[in-house]
Amino acid sequence: MFNPGVVIRPAALTDLESLHALALSAGLGMTNLPPCRERLLGLLNASADALAGNRKAGSQILLVMEAGGEVVGTGCIFPSVGGDWPFYSYRIGRLRQTSQALGKVVENTILTPVNDYDGSAEVGGLFVRPGLRGLAGGRLMARSRYLFMAEHRDWFGDRVVSELRGYQDADGRSPFWEAVGRKFYGLEFKEADRISVGAGKQVIADLGPKYPLYLNLLPTDAALSVGQFHPDGARAHALLTEEGFKFEGCIDIFDAGPTMVADIDTLKAVRDSRVGAISEIAPCEDGVEVLACAGAVEAFRASRGRVVAAAEGLRISPELAAVLNVQAGDLIRHVEF
């Protein structure tokens, strides 16, 4: 059963220890939730700067899920990727070649380095403590990011991307990294994953391949992993697809995971959400279950609850009013959950 006290809000410096404990349970590949206090502190400070208006390409806004006074989940929003360190992807393409002398046609799949998504927003860093996943905690965390974007629409451009973690085997080995990345960077996957955040992307520009890669020259396991997400990423993929994200043929340059893309204004939570004034705070057992948010910047709050819409305004439950910190007359944004 959903805990009505669960709230999504911007992270604060006081969340450091809870975030560190959460990061330790997240495992390899969560570059936006590193298990290092110093780096987490840097992320918290950077998020505070972004909320204060110091947003530039690569800035990150960190949202947390709080339950019972404890941080149990995270979600990140990057208002704009690229800038000083371009946002690299491989685009999957086809190259058809014909030899009249041999009477033969050959078609190859090629991976071309591109910066197609520079300037787009990005969502990532979605992690919810395993005990809450069956209670739609992941969906609540994920969709709250889109309501935040709707409430601060002028902070973002037209498009948003999300990179899904690529395929790894049972031993945590990335076939694509072993076949490609290791040869260019001379690093273990874990180390490359760590330095890829922020200024580490300069390493990608300095040492990465500049020309297309032919997929048929890669080992079979590496070729088959292209565009495949991590075994644990099925739910994240489903959530993105449900919201309106699509795969357009670009993959992560490290592990070949798919890059999902959407127009911000067509995201389900953005397109279908409505803003209304609260007319009454009272029990709403007969209401529609919604994801609702109120407040801006550091005061942003989002949670689940029931709402009854009437001509005079919205009736919301006392529990939802408490977690959103609202009263009669205030405006909330809501979308069916």
C-alpha atoms as a PDB file:
ATOM      1  CA  MET A   1       0.000   0.000   0.000  1.00  0.00           C
ATOM      2  CA  PHE A   2       1.253   3.482  -0.865  1.00  0.00           C
ATOM      3  CA  ASN A   3       2.497   5.562   2.056  1.00  0.00           C
ATOM      4  CA  PRO A   4       0.706   8.946   1.830  1.00  0.00           C
ATOM      5  CA  GLY A   5       3.688  10.600   3.534  1.00  0.00           C
ATOM      6  CA  VAL A   6       6.024   9.961   0.585  1.00  0.00           C
ATOM      7  CA  VAL A   7       7.144  13.189  -1.078  1.00  0.00           C
ATOM      8  CA  ILE A   8       9.430  14.119  -3.977  1.00  0.00           C
ATOM      9  CA  ARG A   9      11.461  17.285  -3.380  1.00  0.00           C
ATOM     10  CA  PRO A  10      14.778  18.897  -4.364  1.00  0.00           C
ATOM     11  CA  ALA A  11      17.771  17.424  -2.539  1.00  0.00           C
ATOM     12  CA  ALA A  12      19.385  19.394   0.291  1.00  0.00           C
ATOM     13  CA  LEU A  13      22.834  19.298   1.897  1.00  0.00           C
ATOM     14  CA  THR A  14      21.285  17.575   4.921  1.00  0.00           C
ATOM     15  CA  ASP A  15      20.532  14.563   2.689  1.00  0.00           C
ATOM     16  CA  LEU A  16      24.218  13.681   2.256  1.00  0.00           C
ATOM     17  CA  GLU A  17      24.395  10.679   4.598  1.00  0.00           C
ATOM     18  CA  SER A  18      21.092   9.212   3.414  1.00  0.00           C
ATOM     19  CA  LEU A  19      22.186   9.625  -0.200  1.00  0.00           C
ATOM     20  CA  HIS A  20      25.504   7.953   0.507  1.00  0.00           C
ATOM     21  CA  ALA A  21      23.761   4.933   2.030  1.00  0.00           C
ATOM     22  CA  LEU A  22      21.430   4.784  -0.968  1.00  0.00           C
ATOM     23  CA  ALA A  23      24.330   5.067  -3.423  1.00  0.00           C
ATOM     24  CA  LEU A  24      26.127   2.130  -1.817  1.00  0.00           C
ATOM     25  CA  SER A  25      23.135  -0.062  -2.651  1.00  0.00           C
ATOM     26  CA  ALA A  26      22.786   1.180  -6.246  1.00  0.00           C
ATOM     27  CA  GLY A  27      25.810  -0.594  -7.736  1.00  0.00           C
ATOM     28  CA  LEU A  28      27.990   0.103 -10.768  1.00  0.00           C
ATOM     29  CA  GLY A  29      26.634   2.196 -13.589  1.00  0.00           C
ATOM     30  CA  MET A  30      24.720   4.817 -11.585  1.00  0.00           C
ATOM     31  CA  THR A  31      27.058   7.657 -12.536  1.00  0.00           C
ATOM     32  CA  ASN A  32      24.599  10.231 -11.173  1.00  0.00           C
ATOM     33  CA  LEU A  33      24.553   8.542  -7.754  1.00  0.00           C
ATOM     34  CA  PRO A  34      28.231   7.827  -6.946  1.00  0.00           C
ATOM     35  CA  PRO A  35      29.017   5.971  -3.682  1.00  0.00           C
ATOM     36  CA  CYS A  36      31.468   8.686  -2.625  1.00  0.00           C
ATOM     37  CA  ARG A  37      30.617  11.364  -0.060  1.00  0.00           C
ATOM     38  CA  GLU A  38      32.872  13.965  -1.673  1.00  0.00           C
ATOM     39  CA  ARG A  39      31.312  13.532  -5.103  1.00  0.00           C
ATOM     40  CA  LEU A  40      27.799  13.437  -3.665  1.00  0.00           C
ATOM     41  CA  LEU A  41      28.497  16.694  -1.835  1.00  0.00           C
ATOM     42  CA  GLY A  42      29.613  18.180  -5.143  1.00  0.00           C
ATOM     43  CA  LEU A  43      26.362  17.049  -6.774  1.00  0.00           C
ATOM     44  CA  LEU A  44      24.309  18.555  -3.947  1.00  0.00           C
ATOM     45  CA  ASN A  45      26.118  21.892  -4.228  1.00  0.00           C
ATOM     46  CA  ALA A  46      25.772  21.883  -8.020  1.00  0.00           C
ATOM     47  CA  SER A  47      22.056  21.124  -7.735  1.00  0.00           C
ATOM     48  CA  ALA A  48      21.602  23.999  -5.279  1.00  0.00           C
ATOM     49  CA  ASP A  49      23.427  26.325  -7.693  1.00  0.00           C
ATOM     50  CA  ALA A  50      21.195  25.234 -10.580  1.00  0.00           C
ATOM     51  CA  LEU A  51      18.061  25.852  -8.530  1.00  0.00           C
ATOM     52  CA  ALA A  52      19.417  29.266  -7.546  1.00  0.00           C
ATOM     53  CA  GLY A  53      19.591  30.228 -11.220  1.00  0.00           C
ATOM     54  CA  ASN A  54      23.203  29.361 -12.068  1.00  0.00           C
ATOM     55  CA  ARG A  55      22.220  26.947 -14.824  1.00  0.00           C
ATOM     56  CA  LYS A  56      24.598  26.175 -17.663  1.00  0.00           C
ATOM     57  CA  ALA A  57      25.096  23.240 -19.986  1.00  0.00           C
ATOM     58  CA  GLY A  58      25.703  20.173 -17.855  1.00  0.00           C
ATOM     59  CA  SER A  59      24.034  21.550 -14.704  1.00  0.00           C
ATOM     60  CA  GLN A  60      22.188  18.909 -12.726  1.00  0.00           C
ATOM     61  CA  ILE A  61      19.080  19.142 -10.538  1.00  0.00           C
ATOM     62  CA  LEU A  62      18.805  16.333  -8.010  1.00  0.00           C
ATOM     63  CA  LEU A  63      15.384  15.319  -6.706  1.00  0.00           C
ATOM     64  CA  VAL A  64      14.920  12.862  -3.851  1.00  0.00           C
ATOM     65  CA  MET A  65      12.093  10.688  -2.614  1.00  0.00           C
ATOM     66  CA  GLU A  66      11.553  11.014   1.117  1.00  0.00           C
ATOM     67  CA  ALA A  67       9.554   8.530   3.197  1.00  0.00           C
ATOM     68  CA  GLY A  68       9.342   8.712   6.972  1.00  0.00           C
ATOM     69  CA  GLY A  69      12.089  11.322   7.081  1.00  0.00           C
ATOM     70  CA  GLU A  70      14.492   9.085   5.139  1.00  0.00           C
ATOM     71  CA  VAL A  71      15.734   9.462   1.548  1.00  0.00           C
ATOM     72  CA  VAL A  72      14.732   6.298  -0.322  1.00  0.00           C
ATOM     73  CA  GLY A  73      15.060   7.317  -3.977  1.00  0.00           C
ATOM     74  CA  THR A  74      16.606   9.761  -6.440  1.00  0.00           C
ATOM     75  CA  GLY A  75      15.988  11.220  -9.858  1.00  0.00           C
ATOM     76  CA  CYS A  76      18.082  13.713 -11.849  1.00  0.00           C
ATOM     77  CA  ILE A  77      17.254  16.387 -14.387  1.00  0.00           C
ATOM     78  CA  PHE A  78      19.858  18.083 -16.594  1.00  0.00           C
ATOM     79  CA  PRO A  79      18.287  21.235 -18.104  1.00  0.00           C
ATOM     80  CA  SER A  80      20.774  21.144 -20.993  1.00  0.00           C
ATOM     81  CA  VAL A  81      23.480  18.646 -21.920  1.00  0.00           C
ATOM     82  CA  GLY A  82      26.575  19.356 -23.967  1.00  0.00           C
ATOM     83  CA  GLY A  83      28.203  22.768 -23.852  1.00  0.00           C
ATOM     84  CA  ASP A  84      31.847  22.669 -22.747  1.00  0.00           C
ATOM     85  CA  TRP A  85      31.838  18.867 -22.972  1.00  0.00           C
ATOM     86  CA  PRO A  86      29.785  17.685 -25.958  1.00  0.00           C
ATOM     87  CA  PHE A  87      27.188  14.979 -25.426  1.00  0.00           C
ATOM     88  CA  TYR A  88      28.463  12.008 -27.427  1.00  0.00           C
ATOM     89  CA  SER A  89      26.459   9.120 -28.842  1.00  0.00           C
ATOM     90  CA  TYR A  90      26.873   6.538 -31.563  1.00  0.00           C
ATOM     91  CA  ARG A  91      24.186   6.662 -34.232  1.00  0.00           C
ATOM     92  CA  ILE A  92      23.310   3.292 -35.752  1.00  0.00           C
ATOM     93  CA  GLY A  93      23.292   3.489 -39.542  1.00  0.00           C
ATOM     94  CA  ARG A  94      23.277   1.266 -42.607  1.00  0.00           C
ATOM     95  CA  LEU A  95      25.767   1.288 -45.476  1.00  0.00           C
ATOM     96  CA  ARG A  96      24.799  -0.567 -48.651  1.00  0.00           C
ATOM     97  CA  GLN A  97      27.540  -1.310 -51.195  1.00  0.00           C
ATOM     98  CA  THR A  98      27.217  -2.976 -54.583  1.00  0.00           C
ATOM     99  CA  SER A  99      29.847  -4.648 -56.781  1.00  0.00           C
ATOM    100  CA  GLN A 100      28.676  -5.082 -60.368  1.00  0.00           C
ATOM    101  CA  ALA A 101      31.805  -7.087 -61.167  1.00  0.00           C
ATOM    102  CA  LEU A 102      30.962  -9.659 -58.498  1.00  0.00           C
ATOM    103  CA  GLY A 103      27.217  -9.263 -58.784  1.00  0.00           C
ATOM    104  CA  LYS A 104      27.130  -8.842 -55.033  1.00  0.00           C
ATOM    105  CA  VAL A 105      25.394  -6.478 -52.617  1.00  0.00           C
ATOM    106  CA  VAL A 106      26.762  -6.034 -49.091  1.00  0.00           C
ATOM    107  CA  GLU A 107      24.970  -4.157 -46.332  1.00  0.00           C
ATOM    108  CA  ASN A 108      26.821  -3.211 -43.159  1.00  0.00           C
ATOM    109  CA  THR A 109      25.686  -1.686 -39.888  1.00  0.00           C
ATOM    110  CA  ILE A 110      27.898   1.201 -38.818  1.00  0.00           C
ATOM    111  CA  LEU A 111      28.184   3.225 -35.615  1.00  0.00           C
ATOM    112  CA  THR A 112      28.984   6.902 -36.176  1.00  0.00           C
ATOM    113  CA  PRO A 113      30.041   9.278 -33.338  1.00  0.00           C
ATOM    114  CA  VAL A 114      27.562  12.176 -33.164  1.00  0.00           C
ATOM    115  CA  ASN A 115      26.511  15.095 -30.943  1.00  0.00           C
ATOM    116  CA  ASP A 116      22.872  15.035 -32.073  1.00  0.00           C
ATOM    117  CA  TYR A 117      21.431  15.745 -28.631  1.00  0.00           C
ATOM    118  CA  ASP A 118      23.572  18.688 -27.531  1.00  0.00           C
ATOM    119  CA  GLY A 119      21.266  21.243 -25.922  1.00  0.00           C
ATOM    120  CA  SER A 120      18.561  18.737 -25.013  1.00  0.00           C
ATOM    121  CA  ALA A 121      17.439  18.145 -21.448  1.00  0.00           C
ATOM    122  CA  GLU A 122      18.273  14.788 -19.896  1.00  0.00           C
ATOM    123  CA  VAL A 123      16.648  12.725 -17.167  1.00  0.00           C
ATOM    124  CA  GLY A 124      18.590  10.015 -15.384  1.00  0.00           C
ATOM    125  CA  GLY A 125      19.813   8.818 -12.025  1.00  0.00           C
ATOM    126  CA  LEU A 126      16.504   7.063 -11.317  1.00  0.00           C
ATOM    127  CA  PHE A 127      16.944   4.784  -8.328  1.00  0.00           C
ATOM    128  CA  VAL A 128      14.462   3.697  -5.686  1.00  0.00           C
ATOM    129  CA  ARG A 129      15.283   1.459  -2.759  1.00  0.00           C
ATOM    130  CA  PRO A 130      14.225  -2.075  -3.751  1.00  0.00           C
ATOM    131  CA  GLY A 131      11.594  -2.374  -1.011  1.00  0.00           C
ATOM    132  CA  LEU A 132       9.569   0.454  -2.584  1.00  0.00           C
ATOM    133  CA  ARG A 133       9.689  -0.663  -6.217  1.00  0.00           C
ATOM    134  CA  GLY A 134       6.612  -2.836  -5.940  1.00  0.00           C
ATOM    135  CA  LEU A 135       4.671   0.138  -4.591  1.00  0.00           C
ATOM    136  CA  ALA A 136       5.117   2.196  -7.777  1.00  0.00           C
ATOM    137  CA  GLY A 137       7.924   4.179  -6.162  1.00  0.00           C
ATOM    138  CA  GLY A 138       9.910   4.200  -9.394  1.00  0.00           C
ATOM    139  CA  ARG A 139       6.956   5.482 -11.377  1.00  0.00           C
ATOM    140  CA  LEU A 140       6.299   8.202  -8.808  1.00  0.00           C
ATOM    141  CA  MET A 141       9.935   9.310  -8.860  1.00  0.00           C
ATOM    142  CA  ALA A 142      10.177   9.209 -12.653  1.00  0.00           C
ATOM    143  CA  ARG A 143       6.972  11.113 -13.387  1.00  0.00           C
ATOM    144  CA  SER A 144       7.645  13.752 -10.732  1.00  0.00           C
ATOM    145  CA  ARG A 145      10.641  14.851 -12.815  1.00  0.00           C
ATOM    146  CA  TYR A 146       8.316  15.636 -15.722  1.00  0.00           C
ATOM    147  CA  LEU A 147       5.972  17.658 -13.520  1.00  0.00           C
ATOM    148  CA  PHE A 148       9.024  19.607 -12.343  1.00  0.00           C
ATOM    149  CA  MET A 149       9.845  20.302 -15.989  1.00  0.00           C
ATOM    150  CA  ALA A 150       6.266  21.411 -16.644  1.00  0.00           C
ATOM    151  CA  GLU A 151       6.366  23.790 -13.662  1.00  0.00           C
ATOM    152  CA  HIS A 152       9.694  25.278 -14.816  1.00  0.00           C
ATOM    153  CA  ARG A 153       9.120  24.980 -18.561  1.00  0.00           C
ATOM    154  CA  ASP A 154      11.283  27.968 -19.519  1.00  0.00           C
ATOM    155  CA  TRP A 155      14.347  26.238 -18.049  1.00  0.00           C
ATOM    156  CA  PHE A 156      14.294  23.622 -20.801  1.00  0.00           C
ATOM    157  CA  GLY A 157      14.476  23.406 -24.571  1.00  0.00           C
ATOM    158  CA  ASP A 158      12.323  21.266 -26.852  1.00  0.00           C
ATOM    159  CA  ARG A 159      13.635  17.744 -26.297  1.00  0.00           C
ATOM    160  CA  VAL A 160      14.634  15.415 -23.484  1.00  0.00           C
ATOM    161  CA  VAL A 161      16.766  12.275 -23.589  1.00  0.00           C
ATOM    162  CA  SER A 162      17.367   9.400 -21.218  1.00  0.00           C
ATOM    163  CA  GLU A 163      20.276   6.966 -21.497  1.00  0.00           C
ATOM    164  CA  LEU A 164      19.484   3.449 -20.341  1.00  0.00           C
ATOM    165  CA  ARG A 165      22.318   1.437 -18.867  1.00  0.00           C
ATOM    166  CA  GLY A 166      23.632  -1.008 -21.461  1.00  0.00           C
ATOM    167  CA  TYR A 167      23.762  -4.773 -21.347  1.00  0.00           C
ATOM    168  CA  GLN A 168      26.139  -6.447 -18.891  1.00  0.00           C
ATOM    169  CA  ASP A 169      26.540 -10.150 -18.269  1.00  0.00           C
ATOM    170  CA  ALA A 170      26.130 -11.883 -14.901  1.00  0.00           C
ATOM    171  CA  ASP A 171      29.699 -10.895 -13.961  1.00  0.00           C
ATOM    172  CA  GLY A 172      29.079  -7.193 -14.640  1.00  0.00           C
ATOM    173  CA  ARG A 173      31.065  -7.325 -17.881  1.00  0.00           C
ATOM    174  CA  SER A 174      30.063  -5.046 -20.761  1.00  0.00           C
ATOM    175  CA  PRO A 175      30.777  -6.877 -24.056  1.00  0.00           C
ATOM    176  CA  PHE A 176      30.715  -3.606 -25.995  1.00  0.00           C
ATOM    177  CA  TRP A 177      33.207  -1.941 -23.687  1.00  0.00           C
ATOM    178  CA  GLU A 178      35.551  -4.907 -23.890  1.00  0.00           C
ATOM    179  CA  ALA A 179      35.407  -4.866 -27.696  1.00  0.00           C
ATOM    180  CA  VAL A 180      35.597  -1.100 -28.275  1.00  0.00           C
ATOM    181  CA  GLY A 181      36.097   1.151 -25.273  1.00  0.00           C
ATOM    182  CA  ARG A 182      38.966  -0.700 -23.655  1.00  0.00           C
ATOM    183  CA  LYS A 183      40.968  -0.523 -26.896  1.00  0.00           C
ATOM    184  CA  PHE A 184      40.652   3.271 -27.135  1.00  0.00           C
ATOM    185  CA  TYR A 185      40.785   4.336 -23.500  1.00  0.00           C
ATOM    186  CA  GLY A 186      42.918   1.652 -21.866  1.00  0.00           C
ATOM    187  CA  LEU A 187      40.634   1.661 -18.822  1.00  0.00           C
ATOM    188  CA  GLU A 188      38.469  -0.778 -16.942  1.00  0.00           C
ATOM    189  CA  PHE A 189      34.758  -0.191 -17.520  1.00  0.00           C
ATOM    190  CA  LYS A 190      34.255   0.786 -13.870  1.00  0.00           C
ATOM    191  CA  GLU A 191      36.934   3.483 -14.078  1.00  0.00           C
ATOM    192  CA  ALA A 192      35.670   4.832 -17.409  1.00  0.00           C
ATOM    193  CA  ASP A 193      32.146   4.928 -16.011  1.00  0.00           C
ATOM    194  CA  ARG A 194      33.377   6.970 -13.049  1.00  0.00           C
ATOM    195  CA  ILE A 195      35.323   9.579 -15.014  1.00  0.00           C
ATOM    196  CA  SER A 196      32.643  10.009 -17.689  1.00  0.00           C
ATOM    197  CA  VAL A 197      30.738  12.479 -15.492  1.00  0.00           C
ATOM    198  CA  GLY A 198      31.370  16.195 -16.067  1.00  0.00           C
ATOM    199  CA  ALA A 199      34.869  17.177 -17.169  1.00  0.00           C
ATOM    200  CA  GLY A 200      35.724  13.508 -17.676  1.00  0.00           C
ATOM    201  CA  LYS A 201      33.829  13.719 -20.951  1.00  0.00           C
ATOM    202  CA  GLN A 202      36.849  15.550 -22.326  1.00  0.00           C
ATOM    203  CA  VAL A 203      38.618  12.178 -22.219  1.00  0.00           C
ATOM    204  CA  ILE A 204      35.977  10.899 -24.628  1.00  0.00           C
ATOM    205  CA  ALA A 205      36.751  13.698 -27.065  1.00  0.00           C
ATOM    206  CA  ASP A 206      40.511  13.279 -26.701  1.00  0.00           C
ATOM    207  CA  LEU A 207      40.800   9.504 -27.000  1.00  0.00           C
ATOM    208  CA  GLY A 208      37.572   8.204 -28.516  1.00  0.00           C
ATOM    209  CA  PRO A 209      37.111   6.980 -32.093  1.00  0.00           C
ATOM    210  CA  LYS A 210      36.617   9.732 -34.661  1.00  0.00           C
ATOM    211  CA  TYR A 211      35.400   7.527 -37.515  1.00  0.00           C
ATOM    212  CA  PRO A 212      32.495   5.076 -37.897  1.00  0.00           C
ATOM    213  CA  LEU A 213      32.791   1.569 -36.480  1.00  0.00           C
ATOM    214  CA  TYR A 214      31.675  -1.427 -38.540  1.00  0.00           C
ATOM    215  CA  LEU A 215      29.508  -3.678 -36.409  1.00  0.00           C
ATOM    216  CA  ASN A 216      30.484  -6.813 -38.321  1.00  0.00           C
ATOM    217  CA  LEU A 217      34.098  -6.338 -37.177  1.00  0.00           C
ATOM    218  CA  LEU A 218      33.105  -6.680 -33.511  1.00  0.00           C
ATOM    219  CA  PRO A 219      32.823  -9.954 -31.591  1.00  0.00           C
ATOM    220  CA  THR A 220      29.341 -11.454 -31.745  1.00  0.00           C
ATOM    221  CA  ASP A 221      28.475 -10.742 -28.103  1.00  0.00           C
ATOM    222  CA  ALA A 222      29.466  -7.083 -28.488  1.00  0.00           C
ATOM    223  CA  ALA A 223      27.500  -6.679 -31.719  1.00  0.00           C
ATOM    224  CA  LEU A 224      24.405  -8.279 -30.183  1.00  0.00           C
ATOM    225  CA  SER A 225      24.568  -5.955 -27.164  1.00  0.00           C
ATOM    226  CA  VAL A 226      24.199  -2.786 -29.272  1.00  0.00           C
ATOM    227  CA  GLY A 227      20.981  -1.018 -28.329  1.00  0.00           C
ATOM    228  CA  GLN A 228      20.168  -3.526 -25.567  1.00  0.00           C
ATOM    229  CA  PHE A 229      19.509  -2.323 -22.032  1.00  0.00           C
ATOM    230  CA  HIS A 230      20.780  -3.846 -18.789  1.00  0.00           C
ATOM    231  CA  PRO A 231      18.759  -6.826 -17.488  1.00  0.00           C
ATOM    232  CA  ASP A 232      17.665  -4.642 -14.558  1.00  0.00           C
ATOM    233  CA  GLY A 233      16.491  -1.868 -16.880  1.00  0.00           C
ATOM    234  CA  ALA A 234      13.271  -3.396 -18.200  1.00  0.00           C
ATOM    235  CA  ARG A 235      11.078  -1.428 -15.811  1.00  0.00           C
ATOM    236  CA  ALA A 236      12.873   1.856 -16.555  1.00  0.00           C
ATOM    237  CA  HIS A 237      12.444   1.209 -20.282  1.00  0.00           C
ATOM    238  CA  ALA A 238       8.731   0.526 -19.788  1.00  0.00           C
ATOM    239  CA  LEU A 239       8.270   3.744 -17.800  1.00  0.00           C
ATOM    240  CA  LEU A 240      10.000   5.810 -20.479  1.00  0.00           C
ATOM    241  CA  THR A 241       7.984   4.213 -23.272  1.00  0.00           C
ATOM    242  CA  GLU A 242       4.730   4.760 -21.380  1.00  0.00           C
ATOM    243  CA  GLU A 243       5.588   8.439 -20.983  1.00  0.00           C
ATOM    244  CA  GLY A 244       6.251   8.889 -24.705  1.00  0.00           C
ATOM    245  CA  PHE A 245       9.992   8.287 -25.136  1.00  0.00           C
ATOM    246  CA  LYS A 246      11.210   6.478 -28.251  1.00  0.00           C
ATOM    247  CA  PHE A 247      14.462   4.922 -29.430  1.00  0.00           C
ATOM    248  CA  GLU A 248      15.775   6.880 -32.428  1.00  0.00           C
ATOM    249  CA  GLY A 249      18.869   4.823 -33.153  1.00  0.00           C
ATOM    250  CA  CYS A 250      21.475   6.432 -30.874  1.00  0.00           C
ATOM    251  CA  ILE A 251      23.366   4.506 -28.201  1.00  0.00           C
ATOM    252  CA  ASP A 252      25.715   5.227 -25.315  1.00  0.00           C
ATOM    253  CA  ILE A 253      29.355   5.272 -26.413  1.00  0.00           C
ATOM    254  CA  PHE A 254      30.561   3.262 -23.405  1.00  0.00           C
ATOM    255  CA  ASP A 255      28.130   0.358 -23.023  1.00  0.00           C
ATOM    256  CA  ALA A 256      25.902   0.682 -26.149  1.00  0.00           C
ATOM    257  CA  GLY A 257      22.721   1.129 -24.097  1.00  0.00           C
ATOM    258  CA  PRO A 258      19.815   2.786 -25.944  1.00  0.00           C
ATOM    259  CA  THR A 259      19.226   6.541 -25.783  1.00  0.00           C
ATOM    260  CA  MET A 260      15.494   7.224 -25.439  1.00  0.00           C
ATOM    261  CA  VAL A 261      14.161  10.553 -26.744  1.00  0.00           C
ATOM    262  CA  ALA A 262      10.960  12.617 -26.475  1.00  0.00           C
ATOM    263  CA  ASP A 263       9.602  16.089 -27.144  1.00  0.00           C
ATOM    264  CA  ILE A 264       9.039  17.646 -23.705  1.00  0.00           C
ATOM    265  CA  ASP A 265       5.619  19.071 -24.561  1.00  0.00           C
ATOM    266  CA  THR A 266       4.355  15.641 -25.666  1.00  0.00           C
ATOM    267  CA  LEU A 267       5.414  13.829 -22.494  1.00  0.00           C
ATOM    268  CA  LYS A 268       2.270  12.338 -21.001  1.00  0.00           C
ATOM    269  CA  ALA A 269       2.748  14.037 -17.621  1.00  0.00           C
ATOM    270  CA  VAL A 270       3.361  17.418 -19.270  1.00  0.00           C
ATOM    271  CA  ARG A 271       0.692  17.189 -21.976  1.00  0.00           C
ATOM    272  CA  ASP A 272      -2.099  15.819 -19.786  1.00  0.00           C
ATOM    273  CA  SER A 273      -1.437  17.708 -16.542  1.00  0.00           C
ATOM    274  CA  ARG A 274      -3.772  20.473 -15.432  1.00  0.00           C
ATOM    275  CA  VAL A 275      -3.405  23.382 -12.995  1.00  0.00           C
ATOM    276  CA  GLY A 276      -6.241  24.183 -10.617  1.00  0.00           C
ATOM    277  CA  ALA A 277      -6.973  26.031  -7.388  1.00  0.00           C
ATOM    278  CA  ILE A 278      -7.738  24.163  -4.170  1.00  0.00           C
ATOM    279  CA  SER A 279     -11.260  24.925  -2.997  1.00  0.00           C
ATOM    280  CA  GLU A 280     -11.463  22.431  -0.136  1.00  0.00           C
ATOM    281  CA  ILE A 281      -9.220  20.185   1.933  1.00  0.00           C
ATOM    282  CA  ALA A 282     -11.262  17.159   2.984  1.00  0.00           C
ATOM    283  CA  PRO A 283     -11.318  13.350   2.600  1.00  0.00           C
ATOM    284  CA  CYS A 284     -11.340  12.270  -1.061  1.00  0.00           C
ATOM    285  CA  GLU A 285     -12.062   8.541  -1.115  1.00  0.00           C
ATOM    286  CA  ASP A 286     -14.301   9.172  -4.137  1.00  0.00           C
ATOM    287  CA  GLY A 287     -11.597  11.075  -5.998  1.00  0.00           C
ATOM    288  CA  VAL A 288      -9.278  10.217  -8.870  1.00  0.00           C
ATOM    289  CA  GLU A 289      -5.770   9.083  -7.952  1.00  0.00           C
ATOM    290  CA  VAL A 290      -3.290  11.644  -9.238  1.00  0.00           C
ATOM    291  CA  LEU A 291       0.309  12.707  -9.122  1.00  0.00           C
ATOM    292  CA  ALA A 292       0.238  16.291  -7.891  1.00  0.00           C
ATOM    293  CA  CYS A 293       2.830  18.985  -7.317  1.00  0.00           C
ATOM    294  CA  ALA A 294       3.018  22.461  -5.883  1.00  0.00           C
ATOM    295  CA  GLY A 295       5.682  25.059  -5.228  1.00  0.00           C
ATOM    296  CA  ALA A 296       8.615  26.179  -7.331  1.00  0.00           C
ATOM    297  CA  VAL A 297      12.380  25.785  -7.227  1.00  0.00           C
ATOM    298  CA  GLU A 298      13.495  24.704  -3.708  1.00  0.00           C
ATOM    299  CA  ALA A 299       9.864  24.633  -2.514  1.00  0.00           C
ATOM    300  CA  PHE A 300       8.773  22.113  -5.178  1.00  0.00           C
ATOM    301  CA  ARG A 301       6.890  19.128  -3.740  1.00  0.00           C
ATOM    302  CA  ALA A 302       5.204  16.197  -5.504  1.00  0.00           C
ATOM    303  CA  SER A 303       3.261  13.200  -4.244  1.00  0.00           C
ATOM    304  CA  ARG A 304       0.375  10.844  -4.941  1.00  0.00           C
ATOM    305  CA  GLY A 305      -3.134  11.358  -3.658  1.00  0.00           C
ATOM    306  CA  ARG A 306      -6.790  11.664  -4.573  1.00  0.00           C
ATOM    307  CA  VAL A 307      -8.433  14.751  -6.024  1.00  0.00           C
ATOM    308  CA  VAL A 308     -12.050  15.633  -6.752  1.00  0.00           C
ATOM    309  CA  ALA A 309     -12.502  18.269  -9.463  1.00  0.00           C
ATOM    310  CA  ALA A 310     -15.602  20.471  -9.293  1.00  0.00           C
ATOM    311  CA  ALA A 311     -16.739  23.749 -10.809  1.00  0.00           C
ATOM    312  CA  GLU A 312     -15.590  25.670  -7.754  1.00  0.00           C
ATOM    313  CA  GLY A 313     -12.120  24.093  -7.716  1.00  0.00           C
ATOM    314  CA  LEU A 314     -10.259  21.048  -6.410  1.00  0.00           C
ATOM    315  CA  ARG A 315     -10.925  19.082  -3.250  1.00  0.00           C
ATOM    316  CA  ILE A 316      -7.780  17.348  -2.016  1.00  0.00           C
ATOM    317  CA  SER A 317      -7.140  15.127   0.984  1.00  0.00           C
ATOM    318  CA  PRO A 318      -5.568  16.482   4.184  1.00  0.00           C
ATOM    319  CA  GLU A 319      -2.680  14.021   3.748  1.00  0.00           C
ATOM    320  CA  LEU A 320      -1.867  15.307   0.260  1.00  0.00           C
ATOM    321  CA  ALA A 321      -2.209  18.919   1.394  1.00  0.00           C
ATOM    322  CA  ALA A 322       0.253  18.260   4.209  1.00  0.00           C
ATOM    323  CA  VAL A 323       3.007  16.750   2.052  1.00  0.00           C
ATOM    324  CA  LEU A 324       2.580  19.411  -0.650  1.00  0.00           C
ATOM    325  CA  ASN A 325       2.495  22.156   2.000  1.00  0.00           C
ATOM    326  CA  VAL A 326      -0.585  23.794   0.478  1.00  0.00           C
ATOM    327  CA  GLN A 327      -3.844  25.272   1.703  1.00  0.00           C
ATOM    328  CA  ALA A 328      -7.184  26.335   0.244  1.00  0.00           C
ATOM    329  CA  GLY A 329      -6.700  28.857  -2.551  1.00  0.00           C
ATOM    330  CA  ASP A 330      -3.276  27.557  -3.613  1.00  0.00           C
ATOM    331  CA  LEU A 331      -2.622  26.211  -7.106  1.00  0.00           C
ATOM    332  CA  ILE A 332      -1.495  22.647  -7.792  1.00  0.00           C
ATOM    333  CA  ARG A 333      -0.607  20.823 -10.989  1.00  0.00           C
ATOM    334  CA  HIS A 334      -2.037  17.320 -11.260  1.00  0.00           C
ATOM    335  CA  VAL A 335      -2.151  14.425 -13.698  1.00  0.00           C
ATOM    336  CA  GLU A 336      -3.862  11.066 -13.426  1.00  0.00           C
ATOM    337  CA  PHE A 337      -1.461   8.535 -11.938  1.00  0.00           C
END
